[in-house]
Amino acid sequence: MNTKLEFGGEEIAVGSQRSVELPVSRLPNGSELSIPIQVFNGANKGPSLWISAAIHGNELNGVEIARRVLERIRPEQLNGVLYAIPIVNVFGFLHQSRYLPDGRDLNRSFPGSMRGSLAARIASLFLNQVVDRCQYGIDLHTAGEGRTNLAQVRANLDDSETLQLACAFGAPALLHSKTRDGSLRASAQQKGVRTLLYEAGEPLRFDRGDIEIGVRGVLSVMESLNMIDLQPDEASAHVEEPAQCRKSTWVRARTGGMYRSRVQLGDRVNKGESLGFIWDPMGTGSKPVRAPNNGIVIGQATNPLVYRGDALVHVGLE
């Protein structure tokens, strides 16, 4: 049997779930804003896992993924503990913004400090109250503004257990990714918490396919950790040979103009192949954009108006 759990001032019995609010700050009108967390304390012992989304408040696919996963979980059938935080950056979510009110990027503010800025306080609170309780984590993201991403898992693929979990997720692409300073994954990894980062789609949109991959992926990882048992129709679609990219590179515009892509997410490209064209809207000519290496398209710009140096196509190198 598992044991009762104390979290956020609440006592959560074995085989039960509880919605807990972690206070963050008071708004200028005096009302309190908090981070809502669903805690599932399983009936049996097992690992502790967190699922987080909307660290960037305008990245919505992960919010829907988390919601659908929560509909599936039954604490009386769960082994271990699940912490689900569908909306970490509540401020950004309410304002449909990537950032916090002070303009800071929460995913560049870890490990944070309770004596620092609003971003630093939220980062510290999340790290100390959630990450410190877990052995594993799944952080759900989309591309940034003006971009879209192929469904992919970014993780430390040099760690055998992390690689096993990344493969269990079942995304079309795996990207060996070094951690960024100030990111949640970097701080979690420093604490020995194995973390997967799922990237798919674009901000302020629901993409049905990316959401379905994400839901099946999270559930499949939980099954691989022996936290749940899945029905055959719930598991990730088997990906025989997911693209495993050790590095990636952004192809950038060498001139300004309007960009027309010739490739789609998931396309495999060869070195020197035309990825698209930058053309003069006055019709005086165009210049090709070519692949620098063999690889797979894992992301690209969605805005056709480009300046010199803008990132156009993200190529994963297999």
C-alpha atoms as a PDB file:
ATOM      1  CA  MET A   1       0.000   0.000   0.000  1.00  0.00           C
ATOM      2  CA  ASN A   2       0.960   3.609  -0.515  1.00  0.00           C
ATOM      3  CA  THR A   3       0.951   6.163   2.322  1.00  0.00           C
ATOM      4  CA  LYS A   4      -1.063   9.327   2.869  1.00  0.00           C
ATOM      5  CA  LEU A   5       0.411  12.480   1.375  1.00  0.00           C
ATOM      6  CA  GLU A   6       0.644  16.033   2.670  1.00  0.00           C
ATOM      7  CA  PHE A   7       0.836  18.720   0.003  1.00  0.00           C
ATOM      8  CA  GLY A   8       0.080  22.437   0.041  1.00  0.00           C
ATOM      9  CA  GLY A   9      -1.408  22.225   3.491  1.00  0.00           C
ATOM     10  CA  GLU A  10      -3.791  19.461   2.393  1.00  0.00           C
ATOM     11  CA  GLU A  11      -3.825  15.811   3.439  1.00  0.00           C
ATOM     12  CA  ILE A  12      -4.434  13.448   0.530  1.00  0.00           C
ATOM     13  CA  ALA A  13      -5.508   9.952   1.483  1.00  0.00           C
ATOM     14  CA  VAL A  14      -4.292   6.807  -0.230  1.00  0.00           C
ATOM     15  CA  GLY A  15      -6.242   6.115  -3.411  1.00  0.00           C
ATOM     16  CA  SER A  16      -7.672   9.616  -3.696  1.00  0.00           C
ATOM     17  CA  GLN A  17      -7.191  12.884  -5.552  1.00  0.00           C
ATOM     18  CA  ARG A  18      -7.303  16.484  -4.431  1.00  0.00           C
ATOM     19  CA  SER A  19      -7.184  19.871  -6.122  1.00  0.00           C
ATOM     20  CA  VAL A  20      -4.641  22.066  -4.338  1.00  0.00           C
ATOM     21  CA  GLU A  21      -3.957  25.767  -4.856  1.00  0.00           C
ATOM     22  CA  LEU A  22      -0.389  27.038  -4.429  1.00  0.00           C
ATOM     23  CA  PRO A  23      -0.609  30.790  -3.635  1.00  0.00           C
ATOM     24  CA  VAL A  24       1.640  32.917  -5.855  1.00  0.00           C
ATOM     25  CA  SER A  25       0.805  36.582  -5.441  1.00  0.00           C
ATOM     26  CA  ARG A  26      -1.918  39.131  -4.950  1.00  0.00           C
ATOM     27  CA  LEU A  27      -3.181  40.977  -7.994  1.00  0.00           C
ATOM     28  CA  PRO A  28      -3.286  44.792  -8.007  1.00  0.00           C
ATOM     29  CA  ASN A  29      -6.999  44.612  -7.097  1.00  0.00           C
ATOM     30  CA  GLY A  30      -6.172  42.659  -3.943  1.00  0.00           C
ATOM     31  CA  SER A  31      -7.405  39.225  -5.059  1.00  0.00           C
ATOM     32  CA  GLU A  32      -5.085  36.270  -4.753  1.00  0.00           C
ATOM     33  CA  LEU A  33      -3.718  34.339  -7.721  1.00  0.00           C
ATOM     34  CA  SER A  34      -2.552  30.769  -7.293  1.00  0.00           C
ATOM     35  CA  ILE A  35      -1.372  27.790  -9.346  1.00  0.00           C
ATOM     36  CA  PRO A  36      -3.968  24.965  -9.407  1.00  0.00           C
ATOM     37  CA  ILE A  37      -2.508  21.479  -9.055  1.00  0.00           C
ATOM     38  CA  GLN A  38      -4.285  18.133  -9.258  1.00  0.00           C
ATOM     39  CA  VAL A  39      -2.641  15.579  -6.988  1.00  0.00           C
ATOM     40  CA  PHE A  40      -3.380  11.870  -7.381  1.00  0.00           C
ATOM     41  CA  ASN A  41      -2.146   9.732  -4.501  1.00  0.00           C
ATOM     42  CA  GLY A  42      -2.280   6.201  -5.860  1.00  0.00           C
ATOM     43  CA  ALA A  43      -3.553   3.185  -4.011  1.00  0.00           C
ATOM     44  CA  ASN A  44      -0.209   1.435  -4.390  1.00  0.00           C
ATOM     45  CA  LYS A  45       3.423   2.436  -4.123  1.00  0.00           C
ATOM     46  CA  GLY A  46       5.237   3.609  -7.199  1.00  0.00           C
ATOM     47  CA  PRO A  47       7.212   6.536  -8.655  1.00  0.00           C
ATOM     48  CA  SER A  48       6.262  10.207  -8.465  1.00  0.00           C
ATOM     49  CA  LEU A  49       5.703  12.029 -11.749  1.00  0.00           C
ATOM     50  CA  TRP A  50       4.777  15.590 -12.598  1.00  0.00           C
ATOM     51  CA  ILE A  51       3.088  16.783 -15.802  1.00  0.00           C
ATOM     52  CA  SER A  52       3.265  20.513 -16.515  1.00  0.00           C
ATOM     53  CA  ALA A  53       1.971  22.750 -19.293  1.00  0.00           C
ATOM     54  CA  ALA A  54       1.680  26.452 -20.142  1.00  0.00           C
ATOM     55  CA  ILE A  55       4.933  27.493 -18.532  1.00  0.00           C
ATOM     56  CA  HIS A  56       4.667  29.778 -21.526  1.00  0.00           C
ATOM     57  CA  GLY A  57       1.139  31.052 -21.116  1.00  0.00           C
ATOM     58  CA  ASN A  58       0.229  31.071 -24.807  1.00  0.00           C
ATOM     59  CA  GLU A  59       1.167  27.420 -25.430  1.00  0.00           C
ATOM     60  CA  LEU A  60      -2.190  25.663 -25.261  1.00  0.00           C
ATOM     61  CA  ASN A  61      -1.745  22.157 -26.696  1.00  0.00           C
ATOM     62  CA  GLY A  62      -0.250  20.994 -23.400  1.00  0.00           C
ATOM     63  CA  VAL A  63      -3.201  22.315 -21.399  1.00  0.00           C
ATOM     64  CA  GLU A  64      -5.569  20.126 -23.405  1.00  0.00           C
ATOM     65  CA  ILE A  65      -3.193  17.157 -23.224  1.00  0.00           C
ATOM     66  CA  ALA A  66      -3.085  17.425 -19.433  1.00  0.00           C
ATOM     67  CA  ARG A  67      -6.883  17.729 -19.230  1.00  0.00           C
ATOM     68  CA  ARG A  68      -7.412  14.565 -21.259  1.00  0.00           C
ATOM     69  CA  VAL A  69      -4.818  12.637 -19.261  1.00  0.00           C
ATOM     70  CA  LEU A  70      -6.517  13.642 -16.001  1.00  0.00           C
ATOM     71  CA  GLU A  71      -9.839  12.315 -17.301  1.00  0.00           C
ATOM     72  CA  ARG A  72      -8.208   8.919 -17.672  1.00  0.00           C
ATOM     73  CA  ILE A  73      -6.444   8.602 -14.297  1.00  0.00           C
ATOM     74  CA  ARG A  74      -8.170   6.774 -11.431  1.00  0.00           C
ATOM     75  CA  PRO A  75      -6.316   7.113  -8.105  1.00  0.00           C
ATOM     76  CA  GLU A  76      -7.594   3.747  -6.903  1.00  0.00           C
ATOM     77  CA  GLN A  77      -5.862   2.153  -9.908  1.00  0.00           C
ATOM     78  CA  LEU A  78      -2.697   4.266  -9.780  1.00  0.00           C
ATOM     79  CA  ASN A  79       0.719   3.135  -8.600  1.00  0.00           C
ATOM     80  CA  GLY A  80       2.645   6.084  -7.176  1.00  0.00           C
ATOM     81  CA  VAL A  81       1.838   9.786  -7.174  1.00  0.00           C
ATOM     82  CA  LEU A  82       0.914  12.096 -10.053  1.00  0.00           C
ATOM     83  CA  TYR A  83       1.157  15.883  -9.864  1.00  0.00           C
ATOM     84  CA  ALA A  84      -0.614  17.582 -12.784  1.00  0.00           C
ATOM     85  CA  ILE A  85      -0.179  21.311 -13.381  1.00  0.00           C
ATOM     86  CA  PRO A  86      -2.019  22.174 -16.617  1.00  0.00           C
ATOM     87  CA  ILE A  87      -1.363  25.926 -16.269  1.00  0.00           C
ATOM     88  CA  VAL A  88       1.903  26.909 -14.582  1.00  0.00           C
ATOM     89  CA  ASN A  89       2.090  30.484 -15.889  1.00  0.00           C
ATOM     90  CA  VAL A  90      -1.394  31.587 -14.866  1.00  0.00           C
ATOM     91  CA  PHE A  91      -0.570  35.239 -15.569  1.00  0.00           C
ATOM     92  CA  GLY A  92       0.526  34.548 -19.140  1.00  0.00           C
ATOM     93  CA  PHE A  93      -2.391  32.191 -19.749  1.00  0.00           C
ATOM     94  CA  LEU A  94      -4.947  34.833 -18.765  1.00  0.00           C
ATOM     95  CA  HIS A  95      -3.292  37.411 -21.036  1.00  0.00           C
ATOM     96  CA  GLN A  96      -2.570  34.953 -23.890  1.00  0.00           C
ATOM     97  CA  SER A  97       1.106  35.807 -23.511  1.00  0.00           C
ATOM     98  CA  ARG A  98       4.293  33.778 -23.393  1.00  0.00           C
ATOM     99  CA  TYR A  99       5.612  35.966 -20.593  1.00  0.00           C
ATOM    100  CA  LEU A 100       4.830  37.137 -17.093  1.00  0.00           C
ATOM    101  CA  PRO A 101       3.613  40.692 -16.361  1.00  0.00           C
ATOM    102  CA  ASP A 102       7.197  41.825 -15.726  1.00  0.00           C
ATOM    103  CA  GLY A 103       8.201  40.645 -19.210  1.00  0.00           C
ATOM    104  CA  ARG A 104      10.264  37.722 -17.918  1.00  0.00           C
ATOM    105  CA  ASP A 105      10.273  34.240 -19.424  1.00  0.00           C
ATOM    106  CA  LEU A 106       9.394  31.797 -16.643  1.00  0.00           C
ATOM    107  CA  ASN A 107      11.316  29.018 -18.389  1.00  0.00           C
ATOM    108  CA  ARG A 108      14.493  31.065 -18.137  1.00  0.00           C
ATOM    109  CA  SER A 109      14.010  31.866 -14.427  1.00  0.00           C
ATOM    110  CA  PHE A 110      14.778  28.543 -12.700  1.00  0.00           C
ATOM    111  CA  PRO A 111      15.825  27.669 -10.053  1.00  0.00           C
ATOM    112  CA  GLY A 112      14.491  31.020  -8.874  1.00  0.00           C
ATOM    113  CA  SER A 113      14.308  32.528  -5.415  1.00  0.00           C
ATOM    114  CA  MET A 114      11.497  33.421  -3.021  1.00  0.00           C
ATOM    115  CA  ARG A 115      13.237  36.776  -2.574  1.00  0.00           C
ATOM    116  CA  GLY A 116      13.449  37.579  -6.275  1.00  0.00           C
ATOM    117  CA  SER A 117      11.139  38.766  -9.041  1.00  0.00           C
ATOM    118  CA  LEU A 118       7.682  37.329  -9.669  1.00  0.00           C
ATOM    119  CA  ALA A 119       9.203  34.898 -12.188  1.00  0.00           C
ATOM    120  CA  ALA A 120      11.896  33.848  -9.717  1.00  0.00           C
ATOM    121  CA  ARG A 121       9.297  33.274  -6.994  1.00  0.00           C
ATOM    122  CA  ILE A 122       7.076  31.108  -9.186  1.00  0.00           C
ATOM    123  CA  ALA A 123      10.097  29.114 -10.374  1.00  0.00           C
ATOM    124  CA  SER A 124      11.282  28.547  -6.813  1.00  0.00           C
ATOM    125  CA  LEU A 125       7.802  27.587  -5.633  1.00  0.00           C
ATOM    126  CA  PHE A 126       7.336  25.082  -8.454  1.00  0.00           C
ATOM    127  CA  LEU A 127      10.784  23.577  -8.022  1.00  0.00           C
ATOM    128  CA  ASN A 128      10.547  23.189  -4.255  1.00  0.00           C
ATOM    129  CA  GLN A 129       6.926  22.110  -4.006  1.00  0.00           C
ATOM    130  CA  VAL A 130       6.610  19.874  -7.074  1.00  0.00           C
ATOM    131  CA  VAL A 131       9.915  18.870  -8.679  1.00  0.00           C
ATOM    132  CA  ASP A 132      11.592  18.023  -5.367  1.00  0.00           C
ATOM    133  CA  ARG A 133       8.861  15.430  -4.744  1.00  0.00           C
ATOM    134  CA  CYS A 134       9.317  13.632  -8.074  1.00  0.00           C
ATOM    135  CA  GLN A 135      11.655  11.228  -9.821  1.00  0.00           C
ATOM    136  CA  TYR A 136      10.266  11.980 -13.293  1.00  0.00           C
ATOM    137  CA  GLY A 137       8.719  14.884 -15.153  1.00  0.00           C
ATOM    138  CA  ILE A 138       6.998  15.653 -18.468  1.00  0.00           C
ATOM    139  CA  ASP A 139       6.921  19.296 -19.572  1.00  0.00           C
ATOM    140  CA  LEU A 140       4.532  20.121 -22.442  1.00  0.00           C
ATOM    141  CA  HIS A 141       5.277  22.912 -24.930  1.00  0.00           C
ATOM    142  CA  THR A 142       4.601  24.262 -28.414  1.00  0.00           C
ATOM    143  CA  ALA A 143       6.806  26.342 -30.673  1.00  0.00           C
ATOM    144  CA  GLY A 144       7.209  30.050 -30.025  1.00  0.00           C
ATOM    145  CA  GLU A 145       5.262  32.804 -31.739  1.00  0.00           C
ATOM    146  CA  GLY A 146       5.452  32.695 -35.529  1.00  0.00           C
ATOM    147  CA  ARG A 147       6.694  29.090 -35.590  1.00  0.00           C
ATOM    148  CA  THR A 148       5.353  25.549 -35.533  1.00  0.00           C
ATOM    149  CA  ASN A 149       7.022  22.306 -34.427  1.00  0.00           C
ATOM    150  CA  LEU A 150       6.794  18.694 -35.465  1.00  0.00           C
ATOM    151  CA  ALA A 151       5.687  16.545 -32.525  1.00  0.00           C
ATOM    152  CA  GLN A 152       8.985  15.711 -30.832  1.00  0.00           C
ATOM    153  CA  VAL A 153      10.512  14.767 -27.502  1.00  0.00           C
ATOM    154  CA  ARG A 154      13.592  16.639 -26.356  1.00  0.00           C
ATOM    155  CA  ALA A 155      15.653  14.982 -23.666  1.00  0.00           C
ATOM    156  CA  ASN A 156      19.069  13.759 -22.589  1.00  0.00           C
ATOM    157  CA  LEU A 157      19.246  10.730 -24.870  1.00  0.00           C
ATOM    158  CA  ASP A 158      22.664   9.787 -23.489  1.00  0.00           C
ATOM    159  CA  ASP A 159      20.905   8.586 -20.325  1.00  0.00           C
ATOM    160  CA  SER A 160      19.610   5.081 -21.015  1.00  0.00           C
ATOM    161  CA  GLU A 161      16.493   5.331 -18.838  1.00  0.00           C
ATOM    162  CA  THR A 162      15.561   8.725 -20.249  1.00  0.00           C
ATOM    163  CA  LEU A 163      16.006   7.351 -23.763  1.00  0.00           C
ATOM    164  CA  GLN A 164      13.733   4.432 -22.911  1.00  0.00           C
ATOM    165  CA  LEU A 165      11.033   6.814 -21.673  1.00  0.00           C
ATOM    166  CA  ALA A 166      11.440   9.047 -24.735  1.00  0.00           C
ATOM    167  CA  CYS A 167      10.960   6.052 -27.021  1.00  0.00           C
ATOM    168  CA  ALA A 168       7.919   4.961 -25.010  1.00  0.00           C
ATOM    169  CA  PHE A 169       6.336   8.370 -25.641  1.00  0.00           C
ATOM    170  CA  GLY A 170       6.007   7.482 -29.318  1.00  0.00           C
ATOM    171  CA  ALA A 171       6.616  10.877 -30.937  1.00  0.00           C
ATOM    172  CA  PRO A 172       7.800  10.965 -34.574  1.00  0.00           C
ATOM    173  CA  ALA A 173      11.125  12.561 -33.579  1.00  0.00           C
ATOM    174  CA  LEU A 174      13.538  12.471 -30.655  1.00  0.00           C
ATOM    175  CA  LEU A 175      16.028  15.281 -30.218  1.00  0.00           C
ATOM    176  CA  HIS A 176      19.064  14.987 -27.978  1.00  0.00           C
ATOM    177  CA  SER A 177      18.907  18.394 -26.389  1.00  0.00           C
ATOM    178  CA  LYS A 178      21.260  20.115 -24.012  1.00  0.00           C
ATOM    179  CA  THR A 179      19.496  21.997 -21.260  1.00  0.00           C
ATOM    180  CA  ARG A 180      19.155  25.769 -21.414  1.00  0.00           C
ATOM    181  CA  ASP A 181      20.306  27.823 -18.447  1.00  0.00           C
ATOM    182  CA  GLY A 182      17.324  28.878 -16.384  1.00  0.00           C
ATOM    183  CA  SER A 183      14.958  26.242 -17.774  1.00  0.00           C
ATOM    184  CA  LEU A 184      12.802  23.915 -15.722  1.00  0.00           C
ATOM    185  CA  ARG A 185      14.412  20.879 -17.350  1.00  0.00           C
ATOM    186  CA  ALA A 186      17.903  22.110 -16.483  1.00  0.00           C
ATOM    187  CA  SER A 187      17.036  22.566 -12.807  1.00  0.00           C
ATOM    188  CA  ALA A 188      15.204  19.243 -12.666  1.00  0.00           C
ATOM    189  CA  GLN A 189      18.119  17.426 -14.280  1.00  0.00           C
ATOM    190  CA  GLN A 190      20.523  18.952 -11.762  1.00  0.00           C
ATOM    191  CA  LYS A 191      18.362  17.397  -9.060  1.00  0.00           C
ATOM    192  CA  GLY A 192      18.529  13.999 -10.749  1.00  0.00           C
ATOM    193  CA  VAL A 193      14.926  14.129 -12.005  1.00  0.00           C
ATOM    194  CA  ARG A 194      14.600  12.551 -15.447  1.00  0.00           C
ATOM    195  CA  THR A 195      12.570  14.905 -17.618  1.00  0.00           C
ATOM    196  CA  LEU A 196      10.995  14.767 -21.062  1.00  0.00           C
ATOM    197  CA  LEU A 197      10.063  17.920 -22.938  1.00  0.00           C
ATOM    198  CA  TYR A 198       7.306  17.472 -25.527  1.00  0.00           C
ATOM    199  CA  GLU A 199       7.205  20.098 -28.298  1.00  0.00           C
ATOM    200  CA  ALA A 200       4.360  20.123 -30.824  1.00  0.00           C
ATOM    201  CA  GLY A 201       2.399  22.644 -32.839  1.00  0.00           C
ATOM    202  CA  GLU A 202       2.173  26.408 -32.467  1.00  0.00           C
ATOM    203  CA  PRO A 203       0.973  28.838 -29.780  1.00  0.00           C
ATOM    204  CA  LEU A 204      -2.670  29.877 -29.274  1.00  0.00           C
ATOM    205  CA  ARG A 205      -3.924  26.881 -31.262  1.00  0.00           C
ATOM    206  CA  PHE A 206      -5.289  23.411 -30.580  1.00  0.00           C
ATOM    207  CA  ASP A 207      -3.865  20.865 -33.011  1.00  0.00           C
ATOM    208  CA  ARG A 208      -5.827  17.627 -32.809  1.00  0.00           C
ATOM    209  CA  GLY A 209      -3.038  15.382 -34.075  1.00  0.00           C
ATOM    210  CA  ASP A 210      -0.375  16.848 -31.778  1.00  0.00           C
ATOM    211  CA  ILE A 211      -2.734  16.626 -28.806  1.00  0.00           C
ATOM    212  CA  GLU A 212      -3.566  12.987 -29.505  1.00  0.00           C
ATOM    213  CA  ILE A 213       0.130  12.102 -29.791  1.00  0.00           C
ATOM    214  CA  GLY A 214       0.758  13.928 -26.517  1.00  0.00           C
ATOM    215  CA  VAL A 215      -2.058  12.203 -24.617  1.00  0.00           C
ATOM    216  CA  ARG A 216      -1.037   8.758 -25.800  1.00  0.00           C
ATOM    217  CA  GLY A 217       2.589   9.620 -25.137  1.00  0.00           C
ATOM    218  CA  VAL A 218       2.054  10.684 -21.519  1.00  0.00           C
ATOM    219  CA  LEU A 219      -0.086   7.613 -20.799  1.00  0.00           C
ATOM    220  CA  SER A 220       2.476   5.326 -22.433  1.00  0.00           C
ATOM    221  CA  VAL A 221       5.282   6.809 -20.323  1.00  0.00           C
ATOM    222  CA  MET A 222       3.171   6.256 -17.213  1.00  0.00           C
ATOM    223  CA  GLU A 223       2.626   2.653 -18.257  1.00  0.00           C
ATOM    224  CA  SER A 224       6.360   2.178 -18.843  1.00  0.00           C
ATOM    225  CA  LEU A 225       6.896   3.396 -15.264  1.00  0.00           C
ATOM    226  CA  ASN A 226       4.311   0.811 -14.081  1.00  0.00           C
ATOM    227  CA  MET A 227       2.041   3.587 -12.810  1.00  0.00           C
ATOM    228  CA  ILE A 228      -1.004   2.531 -14.874  1.00  0.00           C
ATOM    229  CA  ASP A 229      -2.228  -0.277 -17.127  1.00  0.00           C
ATOM    230  CA  LEU A 230      -3.380   0.772 -20.578  1.00  0.00           C
ATOM    231  CA  GLN A 231      -6.019  -0.650 -22.842  1.00  0.00           C
ATOM    232  CA  PRO A 232      -4.746  -1.528 -26.341  1.00  0.00           C
ATOM    233  CA  ASP A 233      -6.426   1.543 -27.889  1.00  0.00           C
ATOM    234  CA  GLU A 234      -4.798   3.928 -25.382  1.00  0.00           C
ATOM    235  CA  ALA A 235      -1.136   3.233 -26.064  1.00  0.00           C
ATOM    236  CA  SER A 236       1.022   5.300 -28.390  1.00  0.00           C
ATOM    237  CA  ALA A 237       0.975   4.336 -32.024  1.00  0.00           C
ATOM    238  CA  HIS A 238       4.092   2.282 -32.616  1.00  0.00           C
ATOM    239  CA  VAL A 239       6.801   4.300 -34.316  1.00  0.00           C
ATOM    240  CA  GLU A 240       9.111   1.766 -35.900  1.00  0.00           C
ATOM    241  CA  GLU A 241      11.980   4.152 -36.483  1.00  0.00           C
ATOM    242  CA  PRO A 242      11.467   7.569 -34.914  1.00  0.00           C
ATOM    243  CA  ALA A 243      13.940  10.110 -36.191  1.00  0.00           C
ATOM    244  CA  GLN A 244      16.644  10.304 -33.532  1.00  0.00           C
ATOM    245  CA  CYS A 245      18.479  13.568 -33.948  1.00  0.00           C
ATOM    246  CA  ARG A 246      21.725  14.200 -32.135  1.00  0.00           C
ATOM    247  CA  LYS A 247      21.900  17.822 -33.266  1.00  0.00           C
ATOM    248  CA  SER A 248      19.753  20.373 -35.042  1.00  0.00           C
ATOM    249  CA  THR A 249      20.239  23.618 -36.920  1.00  0.00           C
ATOM    250  CA  TRP A 250      18.051  26.536 -37.944  1.00  0.00           C
ATOM    251  CA  VAL A 251      18.294  27.620 -41.573  1.00  0.00           C
ATOM    252  CA  ARG A 252      18.144  31.427 -41.621  1.00  0.00           C
ATOM    253  CA  ALA A 253      17.150  33.954 -44.243  1.00  0.00           C
ATOM    254  CA  ARG A 254      20.059  35.482 -46.133  1.00  0.00           C
ATOM    255  CA  THR A 255      17.878  38.349 -47.322  1.00  0.00           C
ATOM    256  CA  GLY A 256      14.567  39.961 -46.462  1.00  0.00           C
ATOM    257  CA  GLY A 257      11.352  39.392 -48.366  1.00  0.00           C
ATOM    258  CA  MET A 258       8.445  36.953 -48.364  1.00  0.00           C
ATOM    259  CA  TYR A 259       9.157  33.292 -47.697  1.00  0.00           C
ATOM    260  CA  ARG A 260       7.326  30.448 -49.397  1.00  0.00           C
ATOM    261  CA  SER A 261       8.103  27.018 -47.985  1.00  0.00           C
ATOM    262  CA  ARG A 262       8.317  23.888 -50.119  1.00  0.00           C
ATOM    263  CA  VAL A 263       8.580  21.444 -47.217  1.00  0.00           C
ATOM    264  CA  GLN A 264       6.323  20.229 -44.444  1.00  0.00           C
ATOM    265  CA  LEU A 265       6.994  19.146 -40.879  1.00  0.00           C
ATOM    266  CA  GLY A 266       8.398  15.634 -40.862  1.00  0.00           C
ATOM    267  CA  ASP A 267       9.836  15.806 -44.399  1.00  0.00           C
ATOM    268  CA  ARG A 268      13.292  14.333 -44.818  1.00  0.00           C
ATOM    269  CA  VAL A 269      15.608  16.573 -46.790  1.00  0.00           C
ATOM    270  CA  ASN A 270      19.023  16.213 -48.391  1.00  0.00           C
ATOM    271  CA  LYS A 271      21.943  18.592 -48.251  1.00  0.00           C
ATOM    272  CA  GLY A 272      21.527  21.282 -50.881  1.00  0.00           C
ATOM    273  CA  GLU A 273      17.836  20.565 -51.419  1.00  0.00           C
ATOM    274  CA  SER A 274      15.567  23.559 -51.867  1.00  0.00           C
ATOM    275  CA  LEU A 275      13.451  24.160 -48.753  1.00  0.00           C
ATOM    276  CA  GLY A 276      11.649  27.159 -50.197  1.00  0.00           C
ATOM    277  CA  PHE A 277      12.143  30.598 -51.707  1.00  0.00           C
ATOM    278  CA  ILE A 278      12.416  34.172 -50.498  1.00  0.00           C
ATOM    279  CA  TRP A 279      10.894  36.404 -53.130  1.00  0.00           C
ATOM    280  CA  ASP A 280      10.514  40.073 -53.757  1.00  0.00           C
ATOM    281  CA  PRO A 281       6.824  41.056 -53.524  1.00  0.00           C
ATOM    282  CA  MET A 282       7.392  43.399 -56.480  1.00  0.00           C
ATOM    283  CA  GLY A 283       8.117  40.361 -58.637  1.00  0.00           C
ATOM    284  CA  THR A 284      11.735  41.156 -59.473  1.00  0.00           C
ATOM    285  CA  GLY A 285      13.140  37.780 -58.428  1.00  0.00           C
ATOM    286  CA  SER A 286      13.530  35.094 -55.769  1.00  0.00           C
ATOM    287  CA  LYS A 287      16.329  33.327 -53.919  1.00  0.00           C
ATOM    288  CA  PRO A 288      16.278  29.664 -52.856  1.00  0.00           C
ATOM    289  CA  VAL A 289      16.703  28.507 -49.261  1.00  0.00           C
ATOM    290  CA  ARG A 290      18.676  25.275 -49.170  1.00  0.00           C
ATOM    291  CA  ALA A 291      19.203  22.526 -46.609  1.00  0.00           C
ATOM    292  CA  PRO A 292      22.696  22.685 -45.040  1.00  0.00           C
ATOM    293  CA  ASN A 293      22.695  18.969 -44.187  1.00  0.00           C
ATOM    294  CA  ASN A 294      20.690  15.782 -44.536  1.00  0.00           C
ATOM    295  CA  GLY A 295      17.978  15.627 -41.911  1.00  0.00           C
ATOM    296  CA  ILE A 296      14.303  15.959 -40.991  1.00  0.00           C
ATOM    297  CA  VAL A 297      12.197  19.117 -40.757  1.00  0.00           C
ATOM    298  CA  ILE A 298      11.264  19.459 -37.078  1.00  0.00           C
ATOM    299  CA  GLY A 299      10.129  23.085 -37.106  1.00  0.00           C
ATOM    300  CA  GLN A 300       9.572  26.064 -39.335  1.00  0.00           C
ATOM    301  CA  ALA A 301       8.369  29.644 -39.454  1.00  0.00           C
ATOM    302  CA  THR A 302       4.677  30.327 -40.079  1.00  0.00           C
ATOM    303  CA  ASN A 303       5.013  34.043 -40.863  1.00  0.00           C
ATOM    304  CA  PRO A 304       5.959  34.564 -44.537  1.00  0.00           C
ATOM    305  CA  LEU A 305       7.336  38.066 -43.906  1.00  0.00           C
ATOM    306  CA  VAL A 306      11.027  37.716 -43.090  1.00  0.00           C
ATOM    307  CA  TYR A 307      14.060  39.853 -42.389  1.00  0.00           C
ATOM    308  CA  ARG A 308      17.640  38.859 -43.038  1.00  0.00           C
ATOM    309  CA  GLY A 309      18.735  36.485 -40.273  1.00  0.00           C
ATOM    310  CA  ASP A 310      15.238  35.242 -39.394  1.00  0.00           C
ATOM    311  CA  ALA A 311      14.957  31.526 -38.567  1.00  0.00           C
ATOM    312  CA  LEU A 312      13.028  29.756 -41.314  1.00  0.00           C
ATOM    313  CA  VAL A 313      13.408  25.964 -41.076  1.00  0.00           C
ATOM    314  CA  HIS A 314      14.618  23.831 -38.154  1.00  0.00           C
ATOM    315  CA  VAL A 315      16.396  20.728 -39.421  1.00  0.00           C
ATOM    316  CA  GLY A 316      17.133  17.812 -37.109  1.00  0.00           C
ATOM    317  CA  LEU A 317      20.346  16.018 -38.070  1.00  0.00           C
ATOM    318  CA  GLU A 318      20.010  12.232 -37.896  1.00  0.00           C
END
